[in-house]
Amino acid sequence: MQYAKNSNLFPKKMKFIQIFFFLYFLFSYNHAYAYIDPGTGGILLQALLGLVAAVGAYITLYWRKFKNFVNKIFKIKKKD
């Protein structure tokens, strides 16, 4: 193994090379001249609404657990 003596050099070098190529391809773009279909707006809207629904479901799912945890800490009893 070539990198056995200096094992921490290889990951740093690879990380630098990856960042270099990422920045190179990010800033050296050509014009695409692509057409964006009108249906793309609908797809983006559906994705946004799906994200909102998923976040809402996540919050409501764990809200009871959080509420019970806080009540247990402060020893608040439920009113029946």
PDB file of N, CA and C in Angstrom:
ATOM      1  N   MET A   1       0.837  -1.182   0.000  1.00  0.00           N
ATOM      2  CA  MET A   1       0.000   0.000   0.000  1.00  0.00           C
ATOM      3  C   MET A   1       0.878   1.240   0.000  1.00  0.00           C
ATOM      4  N   GLN A   2       0.633   2.065  -0.940  1.00  0.00           N
ATOM      5  CA  GLN A   2       1.449   3.254  -1.108  1.00  0.00           C
ATOM      6  C   GLN A   2       1.145   4.306  -0.046  1.00  0.00           C
ATOM      7  N   TYR A   3      -0.102   4.401   0.380  1.00  0.00           N
ATOM      8  CA  TYR A   3      -0.512   5.448   1.308  1.00  0.00           C
ATOM      9  C   TYR A   3      -0.546   4.980   2.762  1.00  0.00           C
ATOM     10  N   ALA A   4       0.064   3.854   3.061  1.00  0.00           N
ATOM     11  CA  ALA A   4       0.013   3.308   4.417  1.00  0.00           C
ATOM     12  C   ALA A   4       0.743   4.203   5.415  1.00  0.00           C
ATOM     13  N   LYS A   5       1.875   4.775   5.037  1.00  0.00           N
ATOM     14  CA  LYS A   5       2.625   5.620   5.961  1.00  0.00           C
ATOM     15  C   LYS A   5       1.929   6.949   6.207  1.00  0.00           C
ATOM     16  N   ASN A   6       1.354   7.495   5.164  1.00  0.00           N
ATOM     17  CA  ASN A   6       0.731   8.808   5.264  1.00  0.00           C
ATOM     18  C   ASN A   6      -0.760   8.675   4.950  1.00  0.00           C
ATOM     19  N   SER A   7      -1.474   7.950   5.792  1.00  0.00           N
ATOM     20  CA  SER A   7      -2.852   7.584   5.479  1.00  0.00           C
ATOM     21  C   SER A   7      -3.809   8.767   5.476  1.00  0.00           C
ATOM     22  N   ASN A   8      -3.509   9.836   6.201  1.00  0.00           N
ATOM     23  CA  ASN A   8      -4.436  10.969   6.220  1.00  0.00           C
ATOM     24  C   ASN A   8      -4.213  11.910   5.052  1.00  0.00           C
ATOM     25  N   LEU A   9      -3.172  11.734   4.250  1.00  0.00           N
ATOM     26  CA  LEU A   9      -2.924  12.580   3.101  1.00  0.00           C
ATOM     27  C   LEU A   9      -3.872  12.250   1.954  1.00  0.00           C
ATOM     28  N   PHE A  10      -4.132  10.971   1.755  1.00  0.00           N
ATOM     29  CA  PHE A  10      -4.962  10.545   0.628  1.00  0.00           C
ATOM     30  C   PHE A  10      -6.377  11.113   0.686  1.00  0.00           C
ATOM     31  N   PRO A  11      -7.110  11.024   1.793  1.00  0.00           N
ATOM     32  CA  PRO A  11      -8.458  11.600   1.811  1.00  0.00           C
ATOM     33  C   PRO A  11      -8.462  13.116   1.596  1.00  0.00           C
ATOM     34  N   LYS A  12      -7.471  13.823   2.130  1.00  0.00           N
ATOM     35  CA  LYS A  12      -7.425  15.276   1.922  1.00  0.00           C
ATOM     36  C   LYS A  12      -7.198  15.610   0.464  1.00  0.00           C
ATOM     37  N   LYS A  13      -6.322  14.833  -0.190  1.00  0.00           N
ATOM     38  CA  LYS A  13      -6.039  15.069  -1.595  1.00  0.00           C
ATOM     39  C   LYS A  13      -7.274  14.773  -2.442  1.00  0.00           C
ATOM     40  N   MET A  14      -7.971  13.673  -2.122  1.00  0.00           N
ATOM     41  CA  MET A  14      -9.170  13.311  -2.872  1.00  0.00           C
ATOM     42  C   MET A  14     -10.275  14.340  -2.676  1.00  0.00           C
ATOM     43  N   LYS A  15     -10.406  14.835  -1.467  1.00  0.00           N
ATOM     44  CA  LYS A  15     -11.438  15.841  -1.202  1.00  0.00           C
ATOM     45  C   LYS A  15     -11.157  17.119  -1.999  1.00  0.00           C
ATOM     46  N   PHE A  16      -9.880  17.511  -2.066  1.00  0.00           N
ATOM     47  CA  PHE A  16      -9.513  18.685  -2.839  1.00  0.00           C
ATOM     48  C   PHE A  16      -9.826  18.479  -4.315  1.00  0.00           C
ATOM     49  N   ILE A  17      -9.511  17.287  -4.839  1.00  0.00           N
ATOM     50  CA  ILE A  17      -9.772  17.003  -6.250  1.00  0.00           C
ATOM     51  C   ILE A  17     -11.270  17.014  -6.525  1.00  0.00           C
ATOM     52  N   GLN A  18     -12.075  16.444  -5.625  1.00  0.00           N
ATOM     53  CA  GLN A  18     -13.522  16.440  -5.815  1.00  0.00           C
ATOM     54  C   GLN A  18     -14.090  17.847  -5.801  1.00  0.00           C
ATOM     55  N   ILE A  19     -13.645  18.668  -4.857  1.00  0.00           N
ATOM     56  CA  ILE A  19     -14.137  20.047  -4.782  1.00  0.00           C
ATOM     57  C   ILE A  19     -13.694  20.827  -6.007  1.00  0.00           C
ATOM     58  N   PHE A  20     -12.465  20.615  -6.466  1.00  0.00           N
ATOM     59  CA  PHE A  20     -11.969  21.303  -7.648  1.00  0.00           C
ATOM     60  C   PHE A  20     -12.825  20.989  -8.864  1.00  0.00           C
ATOM     61  N   PHE A  21     -13.087  19.690  -9.109  1.00  0.00           N
ATOM     62  CA  PHE A  21     -13.887  19.315 -10.266  1.00  0.00           C
ATOM     63  C   PHE A  21     -15.329  19.787 -10.144  1.00  0.00           C
ATOM     64  N   PHE A  22     -15.876  19.749  -8.944  1.00  0.00           N
ATOM     65  CA  PHE A  22     -17.240  20.245  -8.753  1.00  0.00           C
ATOM     66  C   PHE A  22     -17.323  21.726  -9.107  1.00  0.00           C
ATOM     67  N   LEU A  23     -16.398  22.528  -8.593  1.00  0.00           N
ATOM     68  CA  LEU A  23     -16.405  23.957  -8.890  1.00  0.00           C
ATOM     69  C   LEU A  23     -16.108  24.231 -10.359  1.00  0.00           C
ATOM     70  N   TYR A  24     -15.224  23.444 -10.957  1.00  0.00           N
ATOM     71  CA  TYR A  24     -14.907  23.613 -12.372  1.00  0.00           C
ATOM     72  C   TYR A  24     -16.150  23.391 -13.231  1.00  0.00           C
ATOM     73  N   PHE A  25     -16.863  22.298 -12.990  1.00  0.00           N
ATOM     74  CA  PHE A  25     -18.049  22.016 -13.789  1.00  0.00           C
ATOM     75  C   PHE A  25     -19.204  22.940 -13.451  1.00  0.00           C
ATOM     76  N   LEU A  26     -19.230  23.464 -12.244  1.00  0.00           N
ATOM     77  CA  LEU A  26     -20.287  24.382 -11.858  1.00  0.00           C
ATOM     78  C   LEU A  26     -20.156  25.724 -12.569  1.00  0.00           C
ATOM     79  N   PHE A  27     -18.939  26.215 -12.674  1.00  0.00           N
ATOM     80  CA  PHE A  27     -18.742  27.554 -13.234  1.00  0.00           C
ATOM     81  C   PHE A  27     -18.345  27.570 -14.700  1.00  0.00           C
ATOM     82  N   SER A  28     -18.132  26.439 -15.314  1.00  0.00           N
ATOM     83  CA  SER A  28     -17.778  26.422 -16.733  1.00  0.00           C
ATOM     84  C   SER A  28     -18.911  25.788 -17.543  1.00  0.00           C
ATOM     85  N   TYR A  29     -20.073  26.367 -17.451  1.00  0.00           N
ATOM     86  CA  TYR A  29     -21.226  25.803 -18.140  1.00  0.00           C
ATOM     87  C   TYR A  29     -21.410  26.482 -19.497  1.00  0.00           C
ATOM     88  N   ASN A  30     -22.106  25.794 -20.380  1.00  0.00           N
ATOM     89  CA  ASN A  30     -22.508  26.347 -21.666  1.00  0.00           C
ATOM     90  C   ASN A  30     -24.009  26.554 -21.631  1.00  0.00           C
ATOM     91  N   HIS A  31     -24.499  27.334 -22.533  1.00  0.00           N
ATOM     92  CA  HIS A  31     -25.939  27.554 -22.608  1.00  0.00           C
ATOM     93  C   HIS A  31     -26.625  26.289 -23.117  1.00  0.00           C
ATOM     94  N   ALA A  32     -27.731  25.939 -22.506  1.00  0.00           N
ATOM     95  CA  ALA A  32     -28.406  24.685 -22.847  1.00  0.00           C
ATOM     96  C   ALA A  32     -29.425  24.872 -23.960  1.00  0.00           C
ATOM     97  N   TYR A  33     -30.029  26.041 -24.081  1.00  0.00           N
ATOM     98  CA  TYR A  33     -31.093  26.292 -25.053  1.00  0.00           C
ATOM     99  C   TYR A  33     -32.175  25.227 -24.933  1.00  0.00           C
ATOM    100  N   ALA A  34     -32.600  24.949 -23.728  1.00  0.00           N
ATOM    101  CA  ALA A  34     -33.590  23.916 -23.473  1.00  0.00           C
ATOM    102  C   ALA A  34     -34.973  24.543 -23.345  1.00  0.00           C
ATOM    103  N   TYR A  35     -35.969  23.767 -23.638  1.00  0.00           N
ATOM    104  CA  TYR A  35     -37.351  24.207 -23.539  1.00  0.00           C
ATOM    105  C   TYR A  35     -37.956  23.645 -22.257  1.00  0.00           C
ATOM    106  N   ILE A  36     -38.558  24.518 -21.469  1.00  0.00           N
ATOM    107  CA  ILE A  36     -39.243  24.067 -20.256  1.00  0.00           C
ATOM    108  C   ILE A  36     -40.728  23.988 -20.565  1.00  0.00           C
ATOM    109  N   ASP A  37     -41.260  22.812 -20.439  1.00  0.00           N
ATOM    110  CA  ASP A  37     -42.650  22.527 -20.751  1.00  0.00           C
ATOM    111  C   ASP A  37     -43.578  23.230 -19.761  1.00  0.00           C
ATOM    112  N   PRO A  38     -44.774  23.659 -20.185  1.00  0.00           N
ATOM    113  CA  PRO A  38     -45.711  24.273 -19.232  1.00  0.00           C
ATOM    114  C   PRO A  38     -46.128  23.330 -18.101  1.00  0.00           C
ATOM    115  N   GLY A  39     -46.070  22.030 -18.323  1.00  0.00           N
ATOM    116  CA  GLY A  39     -46.422  21.073 -17.283  1.00  0.00           C
ATOM    117  C   GLY A  39     -45.405  21.033 -16.147  1.00  0.00           C
ATOM    118  N   THR A  40     -44.245  21.607 -16.372  1.00  0.00           N
ATOM    119  CA  THR A  40     -43.211  21.623 -15.345  1.00  0.00           C
ATOM    120  C   THR A  40     -43.666  22.406 -14.121  1.00  0.00           C
ATOM    121  N   GLY A  41     -44.393  23.495 -14.345  1.00  0.00           N
ATOM    122  CA  GLY A  41     -44.921  24.277 -13.222  1.00  0.00           C
ATOM    123  C   GLY A  41     -45.870  23.453 -12.372  1.00  0.00           C
ATOM    124  N   GLY A  42     -46.695  22.640 -13.026  1.00  0.00           N
ATOM    125  CA  GLY A  42     -47.608  21.765 -12.296  1.00  0.00           C
ATOM    126  C   GLY A  42     -46.875  20.716 -11.485  1.00  0.00           C
ATOM    127  N   ILE A  43     -45.811  20.186 -12.058  1.00  0.00           N
ATOM    128  CA  ILE A  43     -45.018  19.186 -11.333  1.00  0.00           C
ATOM    129  C   ILE A  43     -44.348  19.820 -10.123  1.00  0.00           C
ATOM    130  N   LEU A  44     -43.811  21.021 -10.303  1.00  0.00           N
ATOM    131  CA  LEU A  44     -43.177  21.716  -9.181  1.00  0.00           C
ATOM    132  C   LEU A  44     -44.193  22.045  -8.089  1.00  0.00           C
ATOM    133  N   LEU A  45     -45.395  22.438  -8.485  1.00  0.00           N
ATOM    134  CA  LEU A  45     -46.452  22.731  -7.520  1.00  0.00           C
ATOM    135  C   LEU A  45     -46.850  21.471  -6.757  1.00  0.00           C
ATOM    136  N   GLN A  46     -46.969  20.343  -7.447  1.00  0.00           N
ATOM    137  CA  GLN A  46     -47.297  19.084  -6.787  1.00  0.00           C
ATOM    138  C   GLN A  46     -46.208  18.672  -5.807  1.00  0.00           C
ATOM    139  N   ALA A  47     -44.960  18.870  -6.189  1.00  0.00           N
ATOM    140  CA  ALA A  47     -43.856  18.527  -5.297  1.00  0.00           C
ATOM    141  C   ALA A  47     -43.879  19.404  -4.053  1.00  0.00           C
ATOM    142  N   LEU A  48     -44.166  20.692  -4.231  1.00  0.00           N
ATOM    143  CA  LEU A  48     -44.242  21.603  -3.094  1.00  0.00           C
ATOM    144  C   LEU A  48     -45.392  21.241  -2.168  1.00  0.00           C
ATOM    145  N   LEU A  49     -46.550  20.942  -2.723  1.00  0.00           N
ATOM    146  CA  LEU A  49     -47.698  20.555  -1.899  1.00  0.00           C
ATOM    147  C   LEU A  49     -47.444  19.220  -1.198  1.00  0.00           C
ATOM    148  N   GLY A  50     -46.787  18.303  -1.867  1.00  0.00           N
ATOM    149  CA  GLY A  50     -46.432  17.035  -1.232  1.00  0.00           C
ATOM    150  C   GLY A  50     -45.468  17.230  -0.077  1.00  0.00           C
ATOM    151  N   LEU A  51     -44.523  18.149  -0.248  1.00  0.00           N
ATOM    152  CA  LEU A  51     -43.590  18.464   0.829  1.00  0.00           C
ATOM    153  C   LEU A  51     -44.309  19.069   2.026  1.00  0.00           C
ATOM    154  N   VAL A  52     -45.236  19.972   1.770  1.00  0.00           N
ATOM    155  CA  VAL A  52     -46.010  20.581   2.853  1.00  0.00           C
ATOM    156  C   VAL A  52     -46.838  19.523   3.578  1.00  0.00           C
ATOM    157  N   ALA A  53     -47.455  18.614   2.834  1.00  0.00           N
ATOM    158  CA  ALA A  53     -48.252  17.548   3.452  1.00  0.00           C
ATOM    159  C   ALA A  53     -47.375  16.612   4.282  1.00  0.00           C
ATOM    160  N   ALA A  54     -46.186  16.285   3.781  1.00  0.00           N
ATOM    161  CA  ALA A  54     -45.292  15.395   4.515  1.00  0.00           C
ATOM    162  C   ALA A  54     -44.809  16.041   5.806  1.00  0.00           C
ATOM    163  N   VAL A  55     -44.478  17.326   5.754  1.00  0.00           N
ATOM    164  CA  VAL A  55     -44.036  18.030   6.960  1.00  0.00           C
ATOM    165  C   VAL A  55     -45.176  18.120   7.963  1.00  0.00           C
ATOM    166  N   GLY A  56     -46.388  18.388   7.487  1.00  0.00           N
ATOM    167  CA  GLY A  56     -47.546  18.439   8.373  1.00  0.00           C
ATOM    168  C   GLY A  56     -47.823  17.098   9.030  1.00  0.00           C
ATOM    169  N   ALA A  57     -47.711  16.018   8.272  1.00  0.00           N
ATOM    170  CA  ALA A  57     -47.928  14.681   8.833  1.00  0.00           C
ATOM    171  C   ALA A  57     -46.856  14.340   9.854  1.00  0.00           C
ATOM    172  N   TYR A  58     -45.624  14.723   9.596  1.00  0.00           N
ATOM    173  CA  TYR A  58     -44.531  14.461  10.522  1.00  0.00           C
ATOM    174  C   TYR A  58     -44.746  15.204  11.834  1.00  0.00           C
ATOM    175  N   ILE A  59     -45.165  16.453  11.727  1.00  0.00           N
ATOM    176  CA  ILE A  59     -45.390  17.255  12.937  1.00  0.00           C
ATOM    177  C   ILE A  59     -46.537  16.684  13.757  1.00  0.00           C
ATOM    178  N   THR A  60     -47.651  16.343  13.114  1.00  0.00           N
ATOM    179  CA  THR A  60     -48.790  15.817  13.867  1.00  0.00           C
ATOM    180  C   THR A  60     -48.495  14.440  14.446  1.00  0.00           C
ATOM    181  N   LEU A  61     -47.649  13.660  13.787  1.00  0.00           N
ATOM    182  CA  LEU A  61     -47.319  12.331  14.280  1.00  0.00           C
ATOM    183  C   LEU A  61     -46.527  12.410  15.577  1.00  0.00           C
ATOM    184  N   TYR A  62     -45.585  13.309  15.653  1.00  0.00           N
ATOM    185  CA  TYR A  62     -44.722  13.392  16.825  1.00  0.00           C
ATOM    186  C   TYR A  62     -45.154  14.456  17.833  1.00  0.00           C
ATOM    187  N   TRP A  63     -46.213  15.194  17.547  1.00  0.00           N
ATOM    188  CA  TRP A  63     -46.675  16.224  18.477  1.00  0.00           C
ATOM    189  C   TRP A  63     -47.159  15.611  19.783  1.00  0.00           C
ATOM    190  N   ARG A  64     -47.914  14.516  19.696  1.00  0.00           N
ATOM    191  CA  ARG A  64     -48.419  13.876  20.915  1.00  0.00           C
ATOM    192  C   ARG A  64     -47.282  13.339  21.769  1.00  0.00           C
ATOM    193  N   LYS A  65     -46.296  12.734  21.132  1.00  0.00           N
ATOM    194  CA  LYS A  65     -45.162  12.211  21.890  1.00  0.00           C
ATOM    195  C   LYS A  65     -44.413  13.348  22.586  1.00  0.00           C
ATOM    196  N   PHE A  66     -44.228  14.450  21.896  1.00  0.00           N
ATOM    197  CA  PHE A  66     -43.549  15.603  22.480  1.00  0.00           C
ATOM    198  C   PHE A  66     -44.362  16.193  23.629  1.00  0.00           C
ATOM    199  N   LYS A  67     -45.680  16.288  23.425  1.00  0.00           N
ATOM    200  CA  LYS A  67     -46.565  16.839  24.447  1.00  0.00           C
ATOM    201  C   LYS A  67     -46.564  15.960  25.700  1.00  0.00           C
ATOM    202  N   ASN A  68     -46.620  14.645  25.521  1.00  0.00           N
ATOM    203  CA  ASN A  68     -46.574  13.732  26.659  1.00  0.00           C
ATOM    204  C   ASN A  68     -45.236  13.801  27.378  1.00  0.00           C
ATOM    205  N   PHE A  69     -44.162  13.972  26.640  1.00  0.00           N
ATOM    206  CA  PHE A  69     -42.834  14.105  27.234  1.00  0.00           C
ATOM    207  C   PHE A  69     -42.742  15.364  28.092  1.00  0.00           C
ATOM    208  N   VAL A  70     -43.251  16.470  27.591  1.00  0.00           N
ATOM    209  CA  VAL A  70     -43.232  17.724  28.351  1.00  0.00           C
ATOM    210  C   VAL A  70     -44.126  17.619  29.572  1.00  0.00           C
ATOM    211  N   ASN A  71     -45.281  16.997  29.414  1.00  0.00           N
ATOM    212  CA  ASN A  71     -46.181  16.813  30.561  1.00  0.00           C
ATOM    213  C   ASN A  71     -45.550  15.920  31.623  1.00  0.00           C
ATOM    214  N   LYS A  72     -44.806  14.919  31.199  1.00  0.00           N
ATOM    215  CA  LYS A  72     -44.144  14.030  32.147  1.00  0.00           C
ATOM    216  C   LYS A  72     -43.043  14.780  32.905  1.00  0.00           C
ATOM    217  N   ILE A  73     -42.330  15.654  32.214  1.00  0.00           N
ATOM    218  CA  ILE A  73     -41.272  16.427  32.863  1.00  0.00           C
ATOM    219  C   ILE A  73     -41.853  17.350  33.931  1.00  0.00           C
ATOM    220  N   PHE A  74     -42.919  18.050  33.602  1.00  0.00           N
ATOM    221  CA  PHE A  74     -43.532  18.992  34.529  1.00  0.00           C
ATOM    222  C   PHE A  74     -44.624  18.360  35.378  1.00  0.00           C
ATOM    223  N   LYS A  75     -44.857  17.065  35.191  1.00  0.00           N
ATOM    224  CA  LYS A  75     -45.837  16.286  35.954  1.00  0.00           C
ATOM    225  C   LYS A  75     -47.231  16.906  35.930  1.00  0.00           C
ATOM    226  N   ILE A  76     -47.659  17.204  34.719  1.00  0.00           N
ATOM    227  CA  ILE A  76     -49.002  17.753  34.500  1.00  0.00           C
ATOM    228  C   ILE A  76     -49.914  16.572  34.183  1.00  0.00           C
ATOM    229  N   LYS A  77     -51.030  16.463  34.928  1.00  0.00           N
ATOM    230  CA  LYS A  77     -51.968  15.374  34.705  1.00  0.00           C
ATOM    231  C   LYS A  77     -53.004  15.809  33.698  1.00  0.00           C
ATOM    232  N   LYS A  78     -53.502  14.820  32.925  1.00  0.00           N
ATOM    233  CA  LYS A  78     -54.552  15.085  31.950  1.00  0.00           C
ATOM    234  C   LYS A  78     -55.873  15.285  32.647  1.00  0.00           C
ATOM    235  N   LYS A  79     -56.687  16.156  32.091  1.00  0.00           N
ATOM    236  CA  LYS A  79     -58.045  16.365  32.597  1.00  0.00           C
ATOM    237  C   LYS A  79     -58.977  15.437  31.858  1.00  0.00           C
ATOM    238  N   ASP A  80     -59.643  14.542  32.587  1.00  0.00           N
ATOM    239  CA  ASP A  80     -60.581  13.605  31.956  1.00  0.00           C
ATOM    240  C   ASP A  80     -62.004  13.988  32.229  1.00  0.00           C
TER     241      ASP A  80
END
